[in-house]
Amino acid sequence: MNLSVSRKLILNIGLFVVMIGIIIFVIRDSLGDIFSELAKTSLPVLIGVTVLGLASQIIEGYSIKSIAGKYNPEFTIRDGFFASAYSTFYRVVTFGTGSIVAEVIYYHKKGLKFSEGTGTSALRMITYKIALIVWSLFFLFVKSNAIQAQIANGIIWVIAGIAVTILIISALLILSLNINAQVFFVLICNRFFKKQKLREMVDRLNEQIYSLREAIQTFIRDRKAVVRVFCSNMAKLAVWYIIPFFILVHDHPQIDLLLTVALISFSVIIGGVLPAPGGIGGFEFVYVLLFRHVIGKVDAVSSLLLYRYATYLMPFLIGMVYVFITKQREIKHEIKAVKKES
């Protein structure tokens, strides 16, 4: 019997069991409120929110396909759809720490090099954050009075959120595209890291950054693809931003669409830069803070839970099903391999 094959099987089964345990824990303790809210939601609202959530997921799949397709033409919208769900699943089960690694591994399984997968993940993040900034600036221009009325110094908070987001984008682009920044990084590392193993790690990282730069430059040369990805991110956010209005208009027919969309845009840009595990807590805090003055705290929390269902829980569940199916296939394949070696 091949010991490495049997060890791989045991490891996969062990990981599968641990994963199920984490999922049960997360669903019971972190996502239980969302399921409770879904049980109280009327069927038309639930169907509408589900449709909007799926629509945003399909748009995200198209966006990812537009990036990854530059490196592997066989990469499909379906692959992009499940890439987003796969990443969200691992973001939940690793409490926000393993989503990027999981996403890059997924791309590698779909025929991309690791540098291309990293480039796809980085470009996905950059274009998403640029879309966040554009929507926030637009609503800051047309609805600045709304944020100022809800939070003291609200405009300053939004501008701060935009500024931090710009800094994140700039850091990613500088590290990815500027060779001088890469040389400076290597010089600093060589100065402080004297051990051979650390030097070798720096060299490998340097090679990955170089490959990443090539991957990103390959994409940005295609201006039409850049425009497609940017527009699809704007469209995805537009769908997300409509969800709270769709939820609230049934009980609050007087609510203003533009105000609702502006408040959710401000919630995302401010909450996205607040320190919180998995990027969840900061957004929730700002969302309730903004919407409670418009619809009351109870309805604000209810709409938040449904919004989280469409944008967070649904991709997680899709990713969970995908991971379960692929893991079961891997385990069955390894069991057959062990029997064959026996």
Protein backbone atom coordinates (compact mmCIF):
# COMPACT_ATOMS: atom_id res chain seq x y z
CA MET A 1 0.00 0.00 0.00
CA ASN A 2 1.24 3.50 -0.87
CA LEU A 3 1.52 5.24 2.51
CA SER A 4 1.34 8.75 1.01
CA VAL A 5 -1.98 7.95 -0.66
CA SER A 6 -3.48 6.63 2.58
CA ARG A 7 -2.18 9.63 4.51
CA LYS A 8 -3.71 11.94 1.96
CA LEU A 9 -7.03 10.15 2.34
CA ILE A 10 -6.91 10.37 6.16
CA LEU A 11 -5.97 14.05 5.95
CA ASN A 12 -8.83 14.81 3.55
CA ILE A 13 -11.36 12.98 5.73
CA GLY A 14 -10.04 14.75 8.82
CA LEU A 15 -10.28 18.15 7.15
CA PHE A 16 -13.78 17.32 5.96
CA VAL A 17 -14.91 16.46 9.50
CA VAL A 18 -13.29 19.60 10.95
CA MET A 19 -14.93 21.69 8.24
CA ILE A 20 -18.36 20.31 9.10
CA GLY A 21 -17.77 21.10 12.77
CA ILE A 22 -16.78 24.70 11.97
CA ILE A 23 -19.81 25.12 9.70
CA ILE A 24 -22.16 23.92 12.45
CA PHE A 25 -20.51 26.33 14.89
CA VAL A 26 -20.66 29.28 12.50
CA ILE A 27 -24.27 28.66 11.45
CA ARG A 28 -25.41 28.27 15.04
CA ASP A 29 -23.50 31.19 16.57
CA SER A 30 -22.79 33.66 13.75
CA LEU A 31 -25.42 33.05 11.09
CA GLY A 32 -28.30 31.86 13.28
CA ASP A 33 -29.86 35.34 13.42
CA ILE A 34 -30.04 35.47 9.62
CA PHE A 35 -31.83 32.12 9.44
CA SER A 36 -34.27 33.28 12.13
CA GLU A 37 -35.01 36.43 10.14
CA LEU A 38 -35.53 34.40 6.95
CA ALA A 39 -38.15 32.30 8.75
CA LYS A 40 -40.12 35.48 9.58
CA THR A 41 -39.82 37.03 6.12
CA SER A 42 -42.75 36.99 3.68
CA LEU A 43 -42.34 34.76 0.63
CA PRO A 44 -42.44 37.58 -2.00
CA VAL A 45 -39.71 39.52 -0.17
CA LEU A 46 -37.64 36.37 0.32
CA ILE A 47 -37.91 35.45 -3.37
CA GLY A 48 -37.04 39.00 -4.45
CA VAL A 49 -34.01 39.20 -2.17
CA THR A 50 -32.86 35.76 -3.36
CA VAL A 51 -33.17 36.79 -7.02
CA LEU A 52 -31.20 39.99 -6.39
CA GLY A 53 -28.53 38.03 -4.52
CA LEU A 54 -28.19 35.51 -7.35
CA ALA A 55 -28.09 38.33 -9.92
CA SER A 56 -25.18 39.98 -8.11
CA GLN A 57 -23.41 36.61 -7.90
CA ILE A 58 -23.80 36.05 -11.66
CA ILE A 59 -22.46 39.56 -12.37
CA GLU A 60 -19.51 38.78 -10.11
CA GLY A 61 -18.94 35.58 -12.08
CA TYR A 62 -18.84 37.61 -15.30
CA SER A 63 -16.39 40.07 -13.72
CA ILE A 64 -14.04 37.29 -12.59
CA LYS A 65 -14.32 35.59 -15.97
CA SER A 66 -13.34 38.84 -17.68
CA ILE A 67 -10.11 38.87 -15.65
CA ALA A 68 -9.23 35.16 -15.43
CA GLY A 69 -10.22 34.61 -19.07
CA LYS A 70 -7.19 36.68 -20.12
CA TYR A 71 -4.96 33.92 -18.72
CA ASN A 72 -7.13 30.92 -19.51
CA PRO A 73 -9.71 31.38 -22.32
CA GLU A 74 -11.57 28.27 -21.13
CA PHE A 75 -12.43 29.94 -17.82
CA THR A 76 -16.22 30.50 -17.85
CA ILE A 77 -18.78 32.71 -16.10
CA ARG A 78 -19.85 29.57 -14.22
CA ASP A 79 -16.26 29.16 -12.97
CA GLY A 80 -16.29 32.81 -11.86
CA PHE A 81 -19.64 32.33 -10.15
CA PHE A 82 -18.29 29.47 -8.05
CA ALA A 83 -14.94 31.21 -7.49
CA SER A 84 -16.75 33.99 -5.62
CA ALA A 85 -18.83 31.50 -3.62
CA TYR A 86 -15.76 29.34 -2.90
CA SER A 87 -13.88 32.37 -1.58
CA THR A 88 -16.83 33.45 0.58
CA PHE A 89 -17.16 29.96 2.04
CA TYR A 90 -13.54 29.90 3.15
CA ARG A 91 -13.80 33.46 4.41
CA VAL A 92 -16.51 32.23 6.79
CA VAL A 93 -14.89 28.98 7.94
CA THR A 94 -11.44 30.60 8.39
CA PHE A 95 -12.96 33.71 10.03
CA GLY A 96 -11.69 36.02 7.31
CA THR A 97 -8.07 34.79 7.13
CA GLY A 98 -8.05 32.20 4.33
CA SER A 99 -10.29 33.56 1.59
CA ILE A 100 -7.54 34.93 -0.67
CA VAL A 101 -5.44 31.76 -0.44
CA ALA A 102 -8.52 29.63 -1.18
CA GLU A 103 -9.42 31.84 -4.14
CA VAL A 104 -5.92 31.56 -5.64
CA ILE A 105 -5.97 27.77 -5.17
CA TYR A 106 -9.36 27.64 -6.93
CA TYR A 107 -7.96 29.55 -9.92
CA HIS A 108 -4.96 27.21 -10.02
CA LYS A 109 -7.32 24.22 -10.20
CA LYS A 110 -8.97 25.95 -13.18
CA GLY A 111 -5.71 26.14 -15.12
CA LEU A 112 -4.17 29.44 -13.99
CA LYS A 113 -0.64 29.77 -12.67
CA PHE A 114 -0.35 30.83 -9.05
CA SER A 115 0.90 34.27 -10.12
CA GLU A 116 -2.05 34.60 -12.51
CA GLY A 117 -4.45 33.51 -9.78
CA THR A 118 -2.93 36.04 -7.40
CA GLY A 119 -3.20 38.68 -10.12
CA THR A 120 -6.85 37.81 -10.70
CA SER A 121 -7.59 38.07 -6.99
CA ALA A 122 -5.72 41.39 -6.70
CA LEU A 123 -7.43 42.86 -9.77
CA ARG A 124 -10.80 41.70 -8.52
CA MET A 125 -10.17 43.51 -5.23
CA ILE A 126 -8.80 46.66 -6.89
CA THR A 127 -11.66 47.06 -9.39
CA TYR A 128 -14.23 46.37 -6.67
CA LYS A 129 -12.76 49.05 -4.42
CA ILE A 130 -12.57 51.54 -7.29
CA ALA A 131 -16.28 50.95 -7.91
CA LEU A 132 -16.94 51.52 -4.19
CA ILE A 133 -15.14 54.86 -4.39
CA VAL A 134 -16.99 55.99 -7.52
CA TRP A 135 -20.42 55.19 -6.06
CA SER A 136 -19.51 56.84 -2.74
CA LEU A 137 -18.28 60.02 -4.45
CA PHE A 138 -21.44 60.15 -6.53
CA PHE A 139 -23.74 59.84 -3.51
CA LEU A 140 -21.56 62.18 -1.48
CA PHE A 141 -22.19 64.76 -4.21
CA VAL A 142 -25.96 64.22 -4.48
CA LYS A 143 -26.80 63.18 -0.91
CA SER A 144 -24.19 64.71 1.39
CA ASN A 145 -26.98 66.18 3.54
CA ALA A 146 -28.27 62.64 4.24
CA ILE A 147 -25.04 61.37 5.81
CA GLN A 148 -24.56 64.62 7.71
CA ALA A 149 -28.07 64.37 9.14
CA GLN A 150 -27.55 60.80 10.38
CA ILE A 151 -24.02 61.03 11.86
CA ALA A 152 -22.14 63.97 13.30
CA ASN A 153 -19.22 64.71 10.94
CA GLY A 154 -20.64 62.03 8.63
CA ILE A 155 -19.09 63.60 5.53
CA ILE A 156 -15.66 63.46 7.16
CA TRP A 157 -16.16 59.76 7.93
CA VAL A 158 -17.11 59.03 4.32
CA ILE A 159 -14.12 60.98 3.00
CA ALA A 160 -11.89 59.10 5.46
CA GLY A 161 -13.30 55.78 4.21
CA ILE A 162 -12.64 56.82 0.61
CA ALA A 163 -9.11 57.97 1.51
CA VAL A 164 -8.24 54.68 3.23
CA THR A 165 -9.65 52.72 0.27
CA ILE A 166 -7.52 54.78 -2.12
CA LEU A 167 -4.45 54.06 0.02
CA ILE A 168 -5.18 50.31 -0.14
CA ILE A 169 -5.57 50.43 -3.92
CA SER A 170 -2.40 52.52 -4.31
CA ALA A 171 -0.38 50.13 -2.16
CA LEU A 172 -1.56 47.14 -4.19
CA LEU A 173 -0.82 48.85 -7.51
CA ILE A 174 2.59 50.14 -6.42
CA LEU A 175 3.67 46.74 -5.15
CA SER A 176 2.26 44.99 -8.22
CA LEU A 177 3.37 47.34 -11.01
CA ASN A 178 6.29 49.46 -9.86
CA ILE A 179 9.63 47.71 -10.29
CA ASN A 180 11.39 50.34 -8.17
CA ALA A 181 9.09 49.46 -5.26
CA GLN A 182 9.97 45.79 -5.77
CA VAL A 183 13.72 46.57 -5.76
CA PHE A 184 13.29 48.68 -2.62
CA PHE A 185 11.40 45.82 -0.96
CA VAL A 186 14.22 43.37 -1.77
CA LEU A 187 16.91 45.76 -0.52
CA ILE A 188 15.12 46.28 2.79
CA CYS A 189 14.57 42.54 3.23
CA ASN A 190 18.21 41.74 2.43
CA ARG A 191 19.32 44.30 4.98
CA PHE A 192 17.25 42.91 7.83
CA PHE A 193 17.07 39.20 6.95
CA LYS A 194 20.49 37.56 7.23
CA LYS A 195 19.58 33.89 7.56
CA GLN A 196 19.76 31.82 4.40
CA LYS A 197 16.25 30.37 4.77
CA LEU A 198 14.75 33.85 5.11
CA ARG A 199 16.76 35.05 2.10
CA GLU A 200 15.40 32.14 0.07
CA MET A 201 11.84 33.02 1.13
CA VAL A 202 12.41 36.63 0.04
CA ASP A 203 13.76 35.42 -3.31
CA ARG A 204 10.70 33.24 -3.89
CA LEU A 205 8.40 36.10 -2.90
CA ASN A 206 10.31 38.41 -5.23
CA GLU A 207 9.77 35.96 -8.10
CA GLN A 208 6.06 35.80 -7.29
CA ILE A 209 5.79 39.61 -7.26
CA TYR A 210 7.58 39.75 -10.62
CA SER A 211 5.18 37.17 -12.08
CA LEU A 212 2.25 39.02 -10.51
CA ARG A 213 3.33 42.24 -12.19
CA GLU A 214 3.48 40.49 -15.56
CA ALA A 215 0.03 38.97 -15.01
CA ILE A 216 -1.54 42.30 -14.08
CA GLN A 217 0.14 44.12 -16.98
CA THR A 218 -1.20 41.47 -19.35
CA PHE A 219 -4.71 42.30 -18.21
CA ILE A 220 -4.54 46.10 -18.12
CA ARG A 221 -3.24 46.22 -21.69
CA ASP A 222 -6.75 45.20 -22.77
CA ARG A 223 -8.67 48.41 -22.12
CA LYS A 224 -11.99 46.89 -23.16
CA ALA A 225 -11.57 44.15 -20.55
CA VAL A 226 -10.72 46.77 -17.90
CA VAL A 227 -13.88 48.72 -18.76
CA ARG A 228 -15.98 45.53 -18.69
CA VAL A 229 -14.68 44.57 -15.24
CA PHE A 230 -15.19 48.08 -13.87
CA CYS A 231 -18.74 48.31 -15.26
CA SER A 232 -19.65 44.85 -13.97
CA ASN A 233 -18.44 45.82 -10.47
CA MET A 234 -20.52 49.01 -10.65
CA ALA A 235 -23.51 46.89 -11.71
CA LYS A 236 -22.95 44.37 -8.90
CA LEU A 237 -22.86 47.15 -6.33
CA ALA A 238 -25.98 48.72 -7.86
CA VAL A 239 -27.83 45.42 -7.32
CA TRP A 240 -26.51 45.21 -3.75
CA TYR A 241 -27.54 48.78 -3.01
CA ILE A 242 -31.10 48.22 -4.23
CA ILE A 243 -31.66 45.32 -1.82
CA PRO A 244 -32.37 47.39 1.35
CA PHE A 245 -34.90 49.54 -0.54
CA PHE A 246 -36.64 46.42 -1.87
CA ILE A 247 -36.83 45.02 1.67
CA LEU A 248 -38.00 48.24 3.35
CA VAL A 249 -40.44 49.69 0.82
CA HIS A 250 -43.14 47.15 1.77
CA ASP A 251 -43.37 48.42 5.37
CA HIS A 252 -42.16 51.97 4.64
CA PRO A 253 -43.74 53.02 1.34
CA GLN A 254 -42.64 56.62 1.88
CA ILE A 255 -38.94 55.74 1.99
CA ASP A 256 -36.75 57.46 -0.59
CA LEU A 257 -34.89 55.20 -3.04
CA LEU A 258 -31.96 57.55 -3.53
CA LEU A 259 -31.58 58.07 0.23
CA THR A 260 -31.61 54.32 0.89
CA VAL A 261 -29.04 53.61 -1.81
CA ALA A 262 -26.84 56.48 -0.59
CA LEU A 263 -26.92 55.21 3.00
CA ILE A 264 -25.95 51.66 2.03
CA SER A 265 -23.13 53.04 -0.13
CA PHE A 266 -21.83 55.05 2.84
CA SER A 267 -22.21 52.00 5.11
CA VAL A 268 -20.06 49.87 2.81
CA ILE A 269 -17.29 52.45 2.33
CA ILE A 270 -17.05 53.30 6.05
CA GLY A 271 -17.63 49.78 7.40
CA GLY A 272 -15.13 48.30 4.95
CA VAL A 273 -12.21 50.16 6.55
CA LEU A 274 -13.13 49.58 10.18
CA PRO A 275 -11.12 46.78 11.86
CA ALA A 276 -13.41 43.75 12.27
CA PRO A 277 -12.98 39.96 11.80
CA GLY A 278 -13.93 39.00 8.24
CA GLY A 279 -15.02 42.59 7.50
CA ILE A 280 -18.48 41.97 9.00
CA GLY A 281 -18.81 43.81 12.31
CA GLY A 282 -17.78 47.26 11.13
CA PHE A 283 -20.29 47.28 8.29
CA GLU A 284 -23.11 46.07 10.53
CA PHE A 285 -22.40 48.78 13.09
CA VAL A 286 -22.45 51.59 10.50
CA TYR A 287 -25.51 50.18 8.70
CA VAL A 288 -27.65 50.13 11.85
CA LEU A 289 -26.30 53.52 12.93
CA LEU A 290 -27.37 55.10 9.63
CA PHE A 291 -30.68 53.36 9.01
CA ARG A 292 -32.10 53.47 12.54
CA HIS A 293 -32.73 57.22 12.20
CA VAL A 294 -34.78 56.58 9.05
CA ILE A 295 -36.76 53.41 9.85
CA GLY A 296 -36.06 52.60 13.51
CA LYS A 297 -33.56 50.19 15.00
CA VAL A 298 -35.75 47.06 14.79
CA ASP A 299 -36.42 47.40 11.06
CA ALA A 300 -32.82 48.43 10.47
CA VAL A 301 -31.55 45.21 12.06
CA SER A 302 -34.14 43.11 10.16
CA SER A 303 -33.19 44.63 6.80
CA LEU A 304 -29.50 44.20 7.64
CA LEU A 305 -29.98 40.47 8.25
CA LEU A 306 -31.79 40.03 4.92
CA TYR A 307 -29.11 42.09 3.16
CA ARG A 308 -26.47 39.83 4.70
CA TYR A 309 -28.43 36.81 3.48
CA ALA A 310 -28.28 38.03 -0.13
CA THR A 311 -24.67 39.23 -0.13
CA TYR A 312 -22.99 36.92 2.38
CA LEU A 313 -24.99 33.88 3.48
CA MET A 314 -26.15 32.89 -0.01
CA PRO A 315 -22.63 32.84 -1.55
CA PHE A 316 -21.47 30.96 1.55
CA LEU A 317 -24.15 28.26 1.09
CA ILE A 318 -23.40 27.96 -2.63
CA GLY A 319 -19.70 27.65 -1.82
CA MET A 320 -20.44 25.09 0.89
CA VAL A 321 -22.34 22.86 -1.54
CA TYR A 322 -19.55 23.23 -4.10
CA VAL A 323 -16.84 22.34 -1.55
CA PHE A 324 -18.82 19.37 -0.22
CA ILE A 325 -19.32 17.94 -3.70
CA THR A 326 -15.66 18.39 -4.71
CA LYS A 327 -14.41 17.00 -1.37
CA GLN A 328 -16.61 13.94 -1.66
CA ARG A 329 -15.28 13.34 -5.17
CA GLU A 330 -11.68 13.68 -3.95
CA ILE A 331 -12.29 11.27 -1.05
CA LYS A 332 -13.99 8.70 -3.33
CA HIS A 333 -11.10 8.97 -5.78
CA GLU A 334 -8.54 8.48 -2.99
CA ILE A 335 -10.44 5.51 -1.55
CA LYS A 336 -10.30 3.85 -4.99
CA ALA A 337 -6.58 4.65 -5.20
CA VAL A 338 -5.95 3.08 -1.76
CA LYS A 339 -7.92 -0.06 -2.72
CA LYS A 340 -6.02 -0.29 -5.99
CA GLU A 341 -2.65 -0.02 -4.19
CA SER A 342 -3.79 -2.63 -1.66
